[in-house]
Amino acid sequence: MRACEAHDCVLLFLPAHPRRRWCMASVCGNRARVARYCARHKGDAQTQAGQPAGCCWAGTVGFAGDS
């Protein structure tokens, strides 16, 4: 049994693979991947979808259950 590596997740799970890090790759794993992407592209001069440079979809990551 392992704890999810997401900083805001408290779930435990049984890993089907020894390298599995998150309870749900579509939620916790996606948040971690988006955070890494934003950290890599933070200094870009380009803007995306009208957001200031470095914003990286701020506040849009999550799922229907997020408040």
PDB file of N, CA and C in Angstrom:
ATOM      1  N   MET A   1       0.850  -1.163   0.000  1.00  0.00           N
ATOM      2  CA  MET A   1       0.000   0.000   0.000  1.00  0.00           C
ATOM      3  C   MET A   1       0.904   1.239   0.000  1.00  0.00           C
ATOM      4  N   ARG A   2       0.523   2.222  -0.807  1.00  0.00           N
ATOM      5  CA  ARG A   2       1.314   3.448  -0.913  1.00  0.00           C
ATOM      6  C   ARG A   2       0.416   4.665  -0.771  1.00  0.00           C
ATOM      7  N   ALA A   3       1.012   5.758  -0.332  1.00  0.00           N
ATOM      8  CA  ALA A   3       0.314   7.032  -0.279  1.00  0.00           C
ATOM      9  C   ALA A   3       0.538   7.762  -1.598  1.00  0.00           C
ATOM     10  N   CYS A   4      -0.470   8.466  -2.056  1.00  0.00           N
ATOM     11  CA  CYS A   4      -0.361   9.255  -3.277  1.00  0.00           C
ATOM     12  C   CYS A   4       0.688  10.347  -3.071  1.00  0.00           C
ATOM     13  N   GLU A   5       1.520  10.604  -4.093  1.00  0.00           N
ATOM     14  CA  GLU A   5       2.588  11.595  -3.980  1.00  0.00           C
ATOM     15  C   GLU A   5       2.126  13.026  -4.219  1.00  0.00           C
ATOM     16  N   ALA A   6       0.865  13.225  -4.583  1.00  0.00           N
ATOM     17  CA  ALA A   6       0.352  14.585  -4.764  1.00  0.00           C
ATOM     18  C   ALA A   6       0.324  15.282  -3.405  1.00  0.00           C
ATOM     19  N   HIS A   7       0.762  16.540  -3.363  1.00  0.00           N
ATOM     20  CA  HIS A   7       0.881  17.241  -2.086  1.00  0.00           C
ATOM     21  C   HIS A   7      -0.462  17.504  -1.414  1.00  0.00           C
ATOM     22  N   ASP A   8      -1.557  17.535  -2.163  1.00  0.00           N
ATOM     23  CA  ASP A   8      -2.862  17.824  -1.576  1.00  0.00           C
ATOM     24  C   ASP A   8      -3.792  16.610  -1.539  1.00  0.00           C
ATOM     25  N   CYS A   9      -3.252  15.417  -1.728  1.00  0.00           N
ATOM     26  CA  CYS A   9      -4.053  14.195  -1.745  1.00  0.00           C
ATOM     27  C   CYS A   9      -3.725  13.336  -0.520  1.00  0.00           C
ATOM     28  N   VAL A  10      -4.744  12.751   0.072  1.00  0.00           N
ATOM     29  CA  VAL A  10      -4.557  11.926   1.271  1.00  0.00           C
ATOM     30  C   VAL A  10      -4.896  10.453   1.019  1.00  0.00           C
ATOM     31  N   LEU A  11      -5.115  10.080  -0.246  1.00  0.00           N
ATOM     32  CA  LEU A  11      -5.535   8.724  -0.563  1.00  0.00           C
ATOM     33  C   LEU A  11      -4.378   7.728  -0.528  1.00  0.00           C
ATOM     34  N   LEU A  12      -4.717   6.489  -0.203  1.00  0.00           N
ATOM     35  CA  LEU A  12      -3.801   5.361  -0.272  1.00  0.00           C
ATOM     36  C   LEU A  12      -4.264   4.473  -1.418  1.00  0.00           C
ATOM     37  N   PHE A  13      -3.319   3.763  -2.039  1.00  0.00           N
ATOM     38  CA  PHE A  13      -3.687   2.890  -3.150  1.00  0.00           C
ATOM     39  C   PHE A  13      -2.750   1.700  -3.202  1.00  0.00           C
ATOM     40  N   LEU A  14      -3.192   0.656  -3.899  1.00  0.00           N
ATOM     41  CA  LEU A  14      -2.367  -0.520  -4.146  1.00  0.00           C
ATOM     42  C   LEU A  14      -1.774  -0.374  -5.541  1.00  0.00           C
ATOM     43  N   PRO A  15      -0.477  -0.187  -5.652  1.00  0.00           N
ATOM     44  CA  PRO A  15       0.128   0.023  -6.976  1.00  0.00           C
ATOM     45  C   PRO A  15       0.130  -1.255  -7.808  1.00  0.00           C
ATOM     46  N   ALA A  16      -0.333  -1.119  -9.044  1.00  0.00           N
ATOM     47  CA  ALA A  16      -0.302  -2.239  -9.971  1.00  0.00           C
ATOM     48  C   ALA A  16       1.074  -2.351 -10.616  1.00  0.00           C
ATOM     49  N   HIS A  17       1.849  -1.283 -10.534  1.00  0.00           N
ATOM     50  CA  HIS A  17       3.188  -1.225 -11.105  1.00  0.00           C
ATOM     51  C   HIS A  17       4.099  -0.551 -10.080  1.00  0.00           C
ATOM     52  N   PRO A  18       5.338  -1.007  -9.913  1.00  0.00           N
ATOM     53  CA  PRO A  18       6.211  -0.434  -8.877  1.00  0.00           C
ATOM     54  C   PRO A  18       6.546   1.045  -9.073  1.00  0.00           C
ATOM     55  N   ARG A  19       6.410   1.562 -10.284  1.00  0.00           N
ATOM     56  CA  ARG A  19       6.723   2.968 -10.532  1.00  0.00           C
ATOM     57  C   ARG A  19       5.521   3.898 -10.383  1.00  0.00           C
ATOM     58  N   ARG A  20       4.371   3.343 -10.076  1.00  0.00           N
ATOM     59  CA  ARG A  20       3.156   4.165  -9.938  1.00  0.00           C
ATOM     60  C   ARG A  20       3.308   5.119  -8.762  1.00  0.00           C
ATOM     61  N   ARG A  21       2.954   6.401  -8.975  1.00  0.00           N
ATOM     62  CA  ARG A  21       3.178   7.439  -7.965  1.00  0.00           C
ATOM     63  C   ARG A  21       1.905   8.082  -7.451  1.00  0.00           C
ATOM     64  N   TRP A  22       0.816   8.007  -8.219  1.00  0.00           N
ATOM     65  CA  TRP A  22      -0.412   8.722  -7.861  1.00  0.00           C
ATOM     66  C   TRP A  22      -1.587   7.777  -7.778  1.00  0.00           C
ATOM     67  N   CYS A  23      -2.578   8.150  -6.965  1.00  0.00           N
ATOM     68  CA  CYS A  23      -3.782   7.318  -6.839  1.00  0.00           C
ATOM     69  C   CYS A  23      -4.538   7.283  -8.161  1.00  0.00           C
ATOM     70  N   MET A  24      -4.638   8.448  -8.835  1.00  0.00           N
ATOM     71  CA  MET A  24      -5.309   8.540 -10.130  1.00  0.00           C
ATOM     72  C   MET A  24      -4.450   9.403 -11.045  1.00  0.00           C
ATOM     73  N   ALA A  25      -3.928   8.814 -12.092  1.00  0.00           N
ATOM     74  CA  ALA A  25      -3.080   9.561 -13.024  1.00  0.00           C
ATOM     75  C   ALA A  25      -3.854  10.686 -13.700  1.00  0.00           C
ATOM     76  N   SER A  26      -5.153  10.500 -13.892  1.00  0.00           N
ATOM     77  CA  SER A  26      -5.948  11.522 -14.580  1.00  0.00           C
ATOM     78  C   SER A  26      -6.200  12.751 -13.722  1.00  0.00           C
ATOM     79  N   VAL A  27      -6.036  12.645 -12.407  1.00  0.00           N
ATOM     80  CA  VAL A  27      -6.273  13.788 -11.521  1.00  0.00           C
ATOM     81  C   VAL A  27      -4.955  14.236 -10.894  1.00  0.00           C
ATOM     82  N   CYS A  28      -4.444  13.461  -9.974  1.00  0.00           N
ATOM     83  CA  CYS A  28      -3.216  13.838  -9.262  1.00  0.00           C
ATOM     84  C   CYS A  28      -2.006  13.866 -10.191  1.00  0.00           C
ATOM     85  N   GLY A  29      -1.899  12.872 -11.064  1.00  0.00           N
ATOM     86  CA  GLY A  29      -0.786  12.832 -12.009  1.00  0.00           C
ATOM     87  C   GLY A  29      -0.829  13.986 -12.987  1.00  0.00           C
ATOM     88  N   ASN A  30      -2.028  14.332 -13.452  1.00  0.00           N
ATOM     89  CA  ASN A  30      -2.170  15.447 -14.382  1.00  0.00           C
ATOM     90  C   ASN A  30      -1.751  16.753 -13.718  1.00  0.00           C
ATOM     91  N   ARG A  31      -2.137  16.966 -12.480  1.00  0.00           N
ATOM     92  CA  ARG A  31      -1.743  18.190 -11.772  1.00  0.00           C
ATOM     93  C   ARG A  31      -0.230  18.300 -11.667  1.00  0.00           C
ATOM     94  N   ALA A  32       0.432  17.186 -11.374  1.00  0.00           N
ATOM     95  CA  ALA A  32       1.890  17.196 -11.271  1.00  0.00           C
ATOM     96  C   ALA A  32       2.531  17.480 -12.631  1.00  0.00           C
ATOM     97  N   ARG A  33       1.987  16.892 -13.687  1.00  0.00           N
ATOM     98  CA  ARG A  33       2.537  17.136 -15.028  1.00  0.00           C
ATOM     99  C   ARG A  33       2.331  18.584 -15.458  1.00  0.00           C
ATOM    100  N   VAL A  34       1.175  19.150 -15.182  1.00  0.00           N
ATOM    101  CA  VAL A  34       0.921  20.553 -15.530  1.00  0.00           C
ATOM    102  C   VAL A  34       1.853  21.469 -14.732  1.00  0.00           C
ATOM    103  N   ALA A  35       2.071  21.166 -13.465  1.00  0.00           N
ATOM    104  CA  ALA A  35       2.976  21.977 -12.648  1.00  0.00           C
ATOM    105  C   ALA A  35       4.395  21.928 -13.205  1.00  0.00           C
ATOM    106  N   ARG A  36       4.858  20.751 -13.633  1.00  0.00           N
ATOM    107  CA  ARG A  36       6.200  20.647 -14.230  1.00  0.00           C
ATOM    108  C   ARG A  36       6.272  21.420 -15.534  1.00  0.00           C
ATOM    109  N   TYR A  37       5.223  21.328 -16.351  1.00  0.00           N
ATOM    110  CA  TYR A  37       5.182  22.051 -17.622  1.00  0.00           C
ATOM    111  C   TYR A  37       5.251  23.554 -17.368  1.00  0.00           C
ATOM    112  N   CYS A  38       4.465  24.034 -16.422  1.00  0.00           N
ATOM    113  CA  CYS A  38       4.457  25.473 -16.114  1.00  0.00           C
ATOM    114  C   CYS A  38       5.811  25.934 -15.595  1.00  0.00           C
ATOM    115  N   ALA A  39       6.455  25.111 -14.780  1.00  0.00           N
ATOM    116  CA  ALA A  39       7.776  25.475 -14.264  1.00  0.00           C
ATOM    117  C   ALA A  39       8.790  25.579 -15.398  1.00  0.00           C
ATOM    118  N   ARG A  40       8.692  24.691 -16.387  1.00  0.00           N
ATOM    119  CA  ARG A  40       9.613  24.730 -17.523  1.00  0.00           C
ATOM    120  C   ARG A  40       9.368  25.926 -18.420  1.00  0.00           C
ATOM    121  N   HIS A  41       8.107  26.335 -18.582  1.00  0.00           N
ATOM    122  CA  HIS A  41       7.748  27.380 -19.534  1.00  0.00           C
ATOM    123  C   HIS A  41       7.424  28.719 -18.884  1.00  0.00           C
ATOM    124  N   LYS A  42       7.743  28.879 -17.642  1.00  0.00           N
ATOM    125  CA  LYS A  42       7.379  30.085 -16.903  1.00  0.00           C
ATOM    126  C   LYS A  42       7.969  31.357 -17.506  1.00  0.00           C
ATOM    127  N   GLY A  43       9.178  31.309 -18.035  1.00  0.00           N
ATOM    128  CA  GLY A  43       9.827  32.495 -18.563  1.00  0.00           C
ATOM    129  C   GLY A  43       9.544  32.780 -20.022  1.00  0.00           C
ATOM    130  N   ASP A  44       8.697  31.970 -20.659  1.00  0.00           N
ATOM    131  CA  ASP A  44       8.404  32.180 -22.079  1.00  0.00           C
ATOM    132  C   ASP A  44       7.765  33.540 -22.312  1.00  0.00           C
ATOM    133  N   ALA A  45       8.111  34.180 -23.421  1.00  0.00           N
ATOM    134  CA  ALA A  45       7.555  35.486 -23.763  1.00  0.00           C
ATOM    135  C   ALA A  45       6.200  35.366 -24.444  1.00  0.00           C
ATOM    136  N   GLN A  46       5.811  34.155 -24.820  1.00  0.00           N
ATOM    137  CA  GLN A  46       4.545  33.949 -25.520  1.00  0.00           C
ATOM    138  C   GLN A  46       3.389  33.980 -24.524  1.00  0.00           C
ATOM    139  N   THR A  47       2.230  34.343 -25.016  1.00  0.00           N
ATOM    140  CA  THR A  47       1.022  34.227 -24.202  1.00  0.00           C
ATOM    141  C   THR A  47       0.158  33.136 -24.799  1.00  0.00           C
ATOM    142  N   GLN A  48      -0.601  32.475 -23.953  1.00  0.00           N
ATOM    143  CA  GLN A  48      -1.467  31.401 -24.408  1.00  0.00           C
ATOM    144  C   GLN A  48      -2.894  31.712 -24.001  1.00  0.00           C
ATOM    145  N   ALA A  49      -3.787  31.691 -24.949  1.00  0.00           N
ATOM    146  CA  ALA A  49      -5.222  31.877 -24.709  1.00  0.00           C
ATOM    147  C   ALA A  49      -5.509  33.163 -23.942  1.00  0.00           C
ATOM    148  N   GLY A  50      -4.764  34.225 -24.209  1.00  0.00           N
ATOM    149  CA  GLY A  50      -5.020  35.508 -23.578  1.00  0.00           C
ATOM    150  C   GLY A  50      -4.478  35.639 -22.168  1.00  0.00           C
ATOM    151  N   GLN A  51      -3.799  34.621 -21.668  1.00  0.00           N
ATOM    152  CA  GLN A  51      -3.232  34.676 -20.329  1.00  0.00           C
ATOM    153  C   GLN A  51      -1.858  35.324 -20.371  1.00  0.00           C
ATOM    154  N   PRO A  52      -1.437  35.989 -19.318  1.00  0.00           N
ATOM    155  CA  PRO A  52      -0.079  36.550 -19.279  1.00  0.00           C
ATOM    156  C   PRO A  52       0.957  35.451 -19.386  1.00  0.00           C
ATOM    157  N   ALA A  53       2.140  35.788 -19.879  1.00  0.00           N
ATOM    158  CA  ALA A  53       3.213  34.796 -20.019  1.00  0.00           C
ATOM    159  C   ALA A  53       3.506  34.161 -18.670  1.00  0.00           C
ATOM    160  N   GLY A  54       3.685  32.838 -18.675  1.00  0.00           N
ATOM    161  CA  GLY A  54       4.010  32.116 -17.457  1.00  0.00           C
ATOM    162  C   GLY A  54       2.805  31.693 -16.639  1.00  0.00           C
ATOM    163  N   CYS A  55       1.610  32.010 -17.081  1.00  0.00           N
ATOM    164  CA  CYS A  55       0.406  31.722 -16.303  1.00  0.00           C
ATOM    165  C   CYS A  55       0.050  30.233 -16.353  1.00  0.00           C
ATOM    166  N   CYS A  56       0.164  29.618 -17.504  1.00  0.00           N
ATOM    167  CA  CYS A  56      -0.049  28.174 -17.651  1.00  0.00           C
ATOM    168  C   CYS A  56      -1.382  27.681 -17.119  1.00  0.00           C
ATOM    169  N   TRP A  57      -2.461  28.171 -17.606  1.00  0.00           N
ATOM    170  CA  TRP A  57      -3.782  27.661 -17.257  1.00  0.00           C
ATOM    171  C   TRP A  57      -4.075  27.772 -15.771  1.00  0.00           C
ATOM    172  N   ALA A  58      -3.617  28.806 -15.121  1.00  0.00           N
ATOM    173  CA  ALA A  58      -3.804  28.952 -13.674  1.00  0.00           C
ATOM    174  C   ALA A  58      -5.279  28.816 -13.303  1.00  0.00           C
ATOM    175  N   GLY A  59      -5.541  27.938 -12.363  1.00  0.00           N
ATOM    176  CA  GLY A  59      -6.897  27.765 -11.866  1.00  0.00           C
ATOM    177  C   GLY A  59      -7.793  26.877 -12.713  1.00  0.00           C
ATOM    178  N   THR A  60      -7.312  26.327 -13.809  1.00  0.00           N
ATOM    179  CA  THR A  60      -8.177  25.510 -14.646  1.00  0.00           C
ATOM    180  C   THR A  60      -7.916  24.025 -14.492  1.00  0.00           C
ATOM    181  N   VAL A  61      -6.919  23.625 -13.727  1.00  0.00           N
ATOM    182  CA  VAL A  61      -6.591  22.221 -13.577  1.00  0.00           C
ATOM    183  C   VAL A  61      -7.437  21.628 -12.468  1.00  0.00           C
ATOM    184  N   GLY A  62      -8.045  20.515 -12.737  1.00  0.00           N
ATOM    185  CA  GLY A  62      -8.850  19.857 -11.726  1.00  0.00           C
ATOM    186  C   GLY A  62      -9.921  19.012 -12.372  1.00  0.00           C
ATOM    187  N   PHE A  63     -10.960  18.726 -11.610  1.00  0.00           N
ATOM    188  CA  PHE A  63     -12.056  17.947 -12.147  1.00  0.00           C
ATOM    189  C   PHE A  63     -13.348  18.489 -11.571  1.00  0.00           C
ATOM    190  N   ALA A  64     -14.456  17.948 -11.984  1.00  0.00           N
ATOM    191  CA  ALA A  64     -15.769  18.496 -11.640  1.00  0.00           C
ATOM    192  C   ALA A  64     -16.001  18.560 -10.139  1.00  0.00           C
ATOM    193  N   GLY A  65     -15.331  17.738  -9.356  1.00  0.00           N
ATOM    194  CA  GLY A  65     -15.537  17.739  -7.903  1.00  0.00           C
ATOM    195  C   GLY A  65     -14.758  18.814  -7.178  1.00  0.00           C
ATOM    196  N   ASP A  66     -13.853  19.532  -7.848  1.00  0.00           N
ATOM    197  CA  ASP A  66     -13.072  20.588  -7.194  1.00  0.00           C
ATOM    198  C   ASP A  66     -13.937  21.786  -6.883  1.00  0.00           C
ATOM    199  N   SER A  67     -13.640  22.448  -5.789  1.00  0.00           N
ATOM    200  CA  SER A  67     -14.362  23.677  -5.436  1.00  0.00           C
ATOM    201  C   SER A  67     -13.428  24.842  -5.491  1.00  0.00           C
TER     202      SER A  67
END
